[in-house]
Amino acid sequence: MTLSAQDSLVERVLRLAPRQGANATCVPGLQLYRFDRPNEPLYALYEPSVCLIVQGRKRVLIGDQVLNYGPMRHLVVSQDLPMSGQVLEADSMTPYLCIALSLSAQQIASLLLDIGRPAEPSNAGSASGMYTEDSSMELIEATHRLIRLLDAPHDAPALAPLIQREILYRLLTSPNGWRLARTATPDTYDQRVARVISWMRDRYREPLRVADLAKAVHMSESSLHQNFKAVTALTPIQYQKQLRLQEARRLMLAECASAAVVARHVGYESPSQFSREYARMFGAPPGRDRVRLLGERVH
């Protein structure tokens, strides 16, 4: 992509993303993000997606895995992962700008039927559920065409799915495409972990029995633990804890519920344990954290 084309993409995303944070678009699954200054780590459940930074830099973290990326690189999240993200470089003149496009296992499986599975490294184990890599010119150009459709919304229903399929093709044929393909390939450990993650998302309030999860996906407990950690950078118990605490924080802010009520709602029997684990994750006890976050919203 030429410098003028890159400048054009920056100008277009800047215009189409006037608000801080997420900006919805007329294309399902496509969002544009903007931040005018660096921020504290923001915790969220990242669903399968590709995130291409147009301007600025960002850090994402889960467990002990930390990735930094900026323009001309993209982040691929292939599993549902409770992560934190932090904008590192941004100001009012050159805000952080990012294009995020959702991916689905169904889309991946459909395309793999046409192109076949990407080649894998020899003896490759379960693949990490997130990775960054250099963005090819073909990927950037396809993304640019998708963004241009936002100025022609009458064309988007017919043309956006074709461009989204091309973007997915570019991801699957990249050096790390095999990682993404694993999530839609039957009977791989990655796909079994995806099934466990889906179960945990739906039932994160319930007591966790790893033996039952392992049996459901035809794995030993040790194998599930090993492969789950390889994919998510977390143990199943740590993953459940992240889901519970992120949901608790969301409820306290959205519904102004007390910490005790929220603790019970997300599955904690002990309010004191909830408070300790909440403070360990977010840096402050629930009440103090809520006051700080509400104050930031006002300002």
Protein backbone atom coordinates (compact mmCIF):
# COMPACT_ATOMS: atom_id res chain seq x y z
CA MET A 1 0.00 0.00 0.00
CA THR A 2 1.42 3.42 -0.94
CA LEU A 3 1.84 6.20 1.61
CA SER A 4 -1.07 8.11 0.06
CA ALA A 5 -3.27 5.00 0.35
CA GLN A 6 -2.24 4.58 3.99
CA ASP A 7 -3.07 8.24 4.63
CA SER A 8 -6.43 7.70 2.93
CA LEU A 9 -7.21 4.76 5.23
CA VAL A 10 -6.30 6.81 8.31
CA GLU A 11 -8.49 9.70 7.12
CA ARG A 12 -11.42 7.42 6.41
CA VAL A 13 -11.30 5.56 9.74
CA LEU A 14 -10.83 8.85 11.59
CA ARG A 15 -13.98 10.23 9.98
CA LEU A 16 -16.04 7.07 10.46
CA ALA A 17 -15.03 6.66 14.13
CA PRO A 18 -15.95 10.00 15.75
CA ARG A 19 -16.52 8.60 19.27
CA GLN A 20 -14.09 7.28 21.85
CA GLY A 21 -14.11 3.51 22.12
CA ALA A 22 -16.13 1.27 19.80
CA ASN A 23 -17.96 2.68 16.78
CA ALA A 24 -20.52 0.38 15.13
CA THR A 25 -20.83 0.18 11.35
CA CYS A 26 -23.38 -0.95 8.77
CA VAL A 27 -21.36 -4.15 8.20
CA PRO A 28 -22.22 -6.88 10.72
CA GLY A 29 -19.21 -7.85 12.81
CA LEU A 30 -17.16 -4.79 11.80
CA GLN A 31 -16.28 -2.16 14.41
CA LEU A 32 -13.92 0.80 14.40
CA TYR A 33 -12.09 1.83 17.58
CA ARG A 34 -10.72 5.23 18.50
CA PHE A 35 -8.86 6.52 21.55
CA ASP A 36 -7.38 10.02 21.80
CA ARG A 37 -5.01 9.16 24.64
CA PRO A 38 -3.34 6.12 26.22
CA ASN A 39 -5.51 4.31 28.74
CA GLU A 40 -5.34 1.94 31.66
CA PRO A 41 -5.76 -1.77 30.83
CA LEU A 42 -9.35 -2.49 29.78
CA TYR A 43 -10.64 -5.97 30.58
CA ALA A 44 -12.99 -7.71 28.18
CA LEU A 45 -13.87 -11.09 26.73
CA TYR A 46 -12.30 -11.02 23.28
CA GLU A 47 -14.29 -13.11 20.81
CA PRO A 48 -12.70 -14.58 17.63
CA SER A 49 -11.66 -11.63 15.50
CA VAL A 50 -8.89 -9.89 13.62
CA CYS A 51 -7.79 -6.46 14.82
CA LEU A 52 -5.73 -4.30 12.44
CA ILE A 53 -4.24 -1.12 13.85
CA VAL A 54 -4.31 1.85 11.49
CA GLN A 55 -2.58 4.29 13.84
CA GLY A 56 -1.05 4.06 17.32
CA ARG A 57 0.12 1.08 19.35
CA LYS A 58 -1.53 -1.38 21.76
CA ARG A 59 -0.66 -4.10 24.25
CA VAL A 60 -2.84 -7.15 24.97
CA LEU A 61 -2.32 -9.52 27.85
CA ILE A 62 -3.70 -12.83 29.07
CA GLY A 63 -2.06 -14.93 31.76
CA ASP A 64 1.68 -14.58 31.27
CA GLN A 65 1.37 -13.87 27.53
CA VAL A 66 1.93 -10.24 26.45
CA LEU A 67 1.79 -8.99 22.86
CA ASN A 68 2.53 -5.49 21.55
CA TYR A 69 1.56 -4.44 18.05
CA GLY A 70 1.04 -1.37 15.90
CA PRO A 71 0.52 -0.31 12.28
CA MET A 72 1.26 -2.91 9.60
CA ARG A 73 0.69 -5.70 12.12
CA HIS A 74 -2.54 -7.32 13.20
CA LEU A 75 -3.83 -9.37 16.12
CA VAL A 76 -5.80 -12.56 15.54
CA VAL A 77 -7.91 -13.95 18.38
CA SER A 78 -9.06 -17.46 17.50
CA GLN A 79 -10.81 -18.41 20.77
CA ASP A 80 -12.99 -16.64 23.35
CA LEU A 81 -10.35 -15.17 25.66
CA PRO A 82 -10.75 -12.96 28.77
CA MET A 83 -7.95 -10.49 28.14
CA SER A 84 -6.87 -6.96 28.93
CA GLY A 85 -5.97 -4.43 26.27
CA GLN A 86 -4.10 -1.15 26.72
CA VAL A 87 -3.58 1.65 24.19
CA LEU A 88 0.08 2.70 24.44
CA GLU A 89 0.37 5.47 21.84
CA ALA A 90 -2.36 8.02 21.07
CA ASP A 91 -3.07 11.76 21.30
CA SER A 92 -5.70 14.17 20.02
CA MET A 93 -3.75 14.87 16.83
CA THR A 94 -2.89 11.23 16.07
CA PRO A 95 -5.50 9.09 17.86
CA TYR A 96 -5.31 5.34 18.14
CA LEU A 97 -7.39 3.83 15.32
CA CYS A 98 -8.20 0.15 14.92
CA ILE A 99 -10.36 -1.97 12.61
CA ALA A 100 -11.88 -5.07 14.25
CA LEU A 101 -13.67 -7.77 12.28
CA SER A 102 -15.40 -10.77 13.87
CA LEU A 103 -14.53 -14.28 12.71
CA SER A 104 -16.56 -17.45 13.11
CA ALA A 105 -15.70 -21.14 13.06
CA GLN A 106 -18.45 -21.63 10.46
CA GLN A 107 -16.84 -19.11 8.11
CA ILE A 108 -13.44 -20.71 8.59
CA ALA A 109 -14.76 -24.25 8.03
CA SER A 110 -16.58 -23.17 4.87
CA LEU A 111 -13.47 -21.62 3.37
CA LEU A 112 -11.27 -24.56 4.35
CA LEU A 113 -13.52 -26.81 2.27
CA ASP A 114 -12.46 -24.79 -0.77
CA ILE A 115 -8.77 -24.19 -0.07
CA GLY A 116 -7.81 -27.13 2.15
CA ARG A 117 -6.03 -26.99 5.50
CA PRO A 118 -2.88 -24.86 5.72
CA ALA A 119 0.39 -26.66 6.24
CA GLU A 120 1.46 -26.91 9.87
CA PRO A 121 4.92 -26.94 11.45
CA SER A 122 6.12 -30.42 12.25
CA ASN A 123 5.09 -31.62 15.71
CA ALA A 124 2.98 -28.50 16.28
CA GLY A 125 1.08 -28.67 19.54
CA SER A 126 -2.08 -26.82 20.47
CA ALA A 127 -1.89 -23.26 19.16
CA SER A 128 -2.13 -20.14 21.28
CA GLY A 129 -5.56 -18.53 20.97
CA MET A 130 -4.02 -15.17 20.07
CA TYR A 131 -1.08 -14.10 17.95
CA THR A 132 0.23 -11.11 16.02
CA GLU A 133 1.90 -11.08 12.63
CA ASP A 134 2.86 -8.68 9.86
CA SER A 135 -0.05 -7.56 7.70
CA SER A 136 0.44 -8.36 4.02
CA MET A 137 -0.32 -5.74 1.40
CA GLU A 138 -3.13 -7.98 0.14
CA LEU A 139 -4.72 -8.09 3.60
CA ILE A 140 -4.43 -4.32 4.09
CA GLU A 141 -5.86 -3.60 0.64
CA ALA A 142 -8.82 -5.94 1.21
CA THR A 143 -9.46 -4.29 4.58
CA HIS A 144 -9.31 -0.87 2.92
CA ARG A 145 -11.93 -1.95 0.38
CA LEU A 146 -14.19 -3.11 3.21
CA ILE A 147 -13.86 0.26 4.95
CA ARG A 148 -14.64 2.11 1.72
CA LEU A 149 -17.95 0.23 1.59
CA LEU A 150 -19.03 2.12 4.71
CA ASP A 151 -19.44 5.18 2.48
CA ALA A 152 -21.67 3.13 0.14
CA PRO A 153 -24.04 1.35 2.53
CA HIS A 154 -26.36 0.32 -0.32
CA ASP A 155 -23.51 -1.80 -1.74
CA ALA A 156 -22.45 -3.32 1.58
CA PRO A 157 -24.99 -6.18 1.87
CA ALA A 158 -23.88 -7.66 -1.47
CA LEU A 159 -20.16 -6.88 -1.44
CA ALA A 160 -19.11 -6.98 2.23
CA PRO A 161 -19.42 -10.79 2.57
CA LEU A 162 -17.15 -11.25 -0.47
CA ILE A 163 -14.48 -8.95 0.94
CA GLN A 164 -14.76 -10.53 4.39
CA ARG A 165 -14.17 -13.93 2.79
CA GLU A 166 -11.05 -12.56 1.08
CA ILE A 167 -9.78 -11.17 4.39
CA LEU A 168 -10.28 -14.57 5.99
CA TYR A 169 -8.49 -16.20 3.05
CA ARG A 170 -5.50 -13.86 3.57
CA LEU A 171 -5.39 -14.82 7.25
CA LEU A 172 -5.61 -18.56 6.58
CA THR A 173 -2.86 -18.44 3.94
CA SER A 174 -0.50 -16.38 6.11
CA PRO A 175 2.42 -18.06 7.92
CA ASN A 176 0.28 -18.46 11.04
CA GLY A 177 -2.93 -19.41 9.24
CA TRP A 178 -2.76 -22.98 10.55
CA ARG A 179 -3.38 -21.60 14.05
CA LEU A 180 -6.70 -20.12 12.99
CA ALA A 181 -7.66 -23.18 10.94
CA ARG A 182 -7.25 -25.43 13.99
CA THR A 183 -10.34 -23.94 15.67
CA ALA A 184 -12.59 -25.19 12.85
CA THR A 185 -10.84 -28.52 12.24
CA PRO A 186 -12.74 -31.46 13.78
CA ASP A 187 -11.08 -33.52 16.50
CA THR A 188 -8.03 -31.32 17.04
CA TYR A 189 -7.17 -30.51 20.63
CA ASP A 190 -7.75 -26.83 19.78
CA GLN A 191 -11.32 -27.57 18.73
CA ARG A 192 -11.91 -29.64 21.86
CA VAL A 193 -10.64 -26.75 23.97
CA ALA A 194 -13.05 -24.48 22.06
CA ARG A 195 -15.91 -26.76 23.13
CA VAL A 196 -14.79 -26.58 26.75
CA ILE A 197 -14.57 -22.79 26.52
CA SER A 198 -18.10 -22.62 25.12
CA TRP A 199 -19.39 -24.74 28.00
CA MET A 200 -17.58 -22.57 30.56
CA ARG A 201 -18.92 -19.35 29.06
CA ASP A 202 -22.48 -20.59 29.43
CA ARG A 203 -21.99 -22.00 32.95
CA TYR A 204 -19.26 -19.91 34.55
CA ARG A 205 -21.38 -19.45 37.71
CA GLU A 206 -21.47 -23.20 38.36
CA PRO A 207 -18.81 -25.14 40.32
CA LEU A 208 -16.04 -26.25 37.98
CA ARG A 209 -15.34 -29.97 37.70
CA VAL A 210 -12.39 -30.47 35.37
CA ALA A 211 -12.91 -34.24 35.35
CA ASP A 212 -16.41 -33.80 33.89
CA LEU A 213 -15.15 -31.37 31.25
CA ALA A 214 -12.34 -33.73 30.25
CA LYS A 215 -14.73 -36.64 29.95
CA ALA A 216 -17.14 -34.62 27.79
CA VAL A 217 -14.41 -33.92 25.20
CA HIS A 218 -12.74 -37.35 25.48
CA MET A 219 -9.51 -36.16 27.06
CA SER A 220 -7.66 -37.02 30.24
CA GLU A 221 -7.58 -34.35 32.94
CA SER A 222 -3.85 -33.82 32.46
CA SER A 223 -4.23 -33.53 28.68
CA LEU A 224 -7.08 -31.04 29.01
CA HIS A 225 -5.10 -28.96 31.49
CA GLN A 226 -2.02 -28.95 29.25
CA ASN A 227 -3.86 -28.08 26.04
CA PHE A 228 -6.21 -25.57 27.68
CA LYS A 229 -3.18 -23.72 29.08
CA ALA A 230 -1.45 -23.81 25.68
CA VAL A 231 -4.48 -22.26 23.96
CA THR A 232 -5.61 -19.74 26.57
CA ALA A 233 -2.47 -19.11 28.68
CA LEU A 234 -4.73 -19.90 31.67
CA THR A 235 -5.78 -22.98 33.59
CA PRO A 236 -9.51 -23.80 33.50
CA ILE A 237 -9.89 -22.47 37.06
CA GLN A 238 -8.09 -19.22 36.16
CA TYR A 239 -10.25 -18.87 33.05
CA GLN A 240 -13.44 -19.27 35.07
CA LYS A 241 -12.19 -16.74 37.62
CA GLN A 242 -11.50 -14.19 34.88
CA LEU A 243 -15.02 -14.65 33.47
CA ARG A 244 -16.59 -14.24 36.90
CA LEU A 245 -14.62 -11.14 37.84
CA GLN A 246 -15.11 -9.41 34.49
CA GLU A 247 -18.87 -10.00 34.70
CA ALA A 248 -18.91 -8.79 38.31
CA ARG A 249 -17.20 -5.56 37.33
CA ARG A 250 -19.62 -5.02 34.46
CA LEU A 251 -22.63 -5.57 36.72
CA MET A 252 -21.38 -3.18 39.40
CA LEU A 253 -20.97 -0.42 36.82
CA ALA A 254 -24.08 -1.11 34.73
CA GLU A 255 -26.55 -1.89 37.52
CA CYS A 256 -24.93 -0.28 40.58
CA ALA A 257 -25.32 -3.57 42.47
CA SER A 258 -23.45 -4.09 45.73
CA ALA A 259 -20.32 -6.21 45.85
CA ALA A 260 -22.06 -8.85 47.98
CA VAL A 261 -24.96 -9.20 45.56
CA VAL A 262 -22.64 -9.32 42.56
CA ALA A 263 -20.40 -11.90 44.23
CA ARG A 264 -23.31 -14.29 44.72
CA HIS A 265 -24.59 -13.66 41.20
CA VAL A 266 -21.33 -14.67 39.53
CA GLY A 267 -20.86 -17.78 41.67
CA TYR A 268 -18.83 -16.77 44.74
CA GLU A 269 -19.98 -18.20 48.05
CA SER A 270 -17.52 -16.12 50.09
CA PRO A 271 -17.72 -12.28 49.76
CA SER A 272 -14.26 -11.94 51.31
CA GLN A 273 -12.73 -14.31 48.73
CA PHE A 274 -14.49 -12.36 45.99
CA SER A 275 -13.10 -9.06 47.31
CA ARG A 276 -9.53 -10.46 47.54
CA GLU A 277 -9.57 -11.91 44.03
CA TYR A 278 -11.22 -8.80 42.59
CA ALA A 279 -8.54 -6.56 44.11
CA ARG A 280 -5.78 -8.86 42.87
CA MET A 281 -7.09 -8.63 39.30
CA PHE A 282 -8.17 -4.98 39.10
CA GLY A 283 -5.82 -3.35 41.61
CA ALA A 284 -8.45 -2.20 44.12
CA PRO A 285 -11.36 -3.66 46.13
CA PRO A 286 -14.76 -3.65 44.40
CA GLY A 287 -16.18 -0.52 46.04
CA ARG A 288 -13.09 1.60 45.52
CA ASP A 289 -12.69 0.37 41.95
CA ARG A 290 -16.29 1.31 41.10
CA VAL A 291 -15.88 4.83 42.52
CA ARG A 292 -12.71 5.34 40.45
CA LEU A 293 -14.28 4.06 37.22
CA LEU A 294 -17.44 6.12 37.65
CA GLY A 295 -15.27 9.18 38.29
CA GLU A 296 -13.38 8.56 35.05
CA ARG A 297 -16.68 8.41 33.16
CA VAL A 298 -17.69 11.81 34.53
CA HIS A 299 -14.42 13.37 33.48
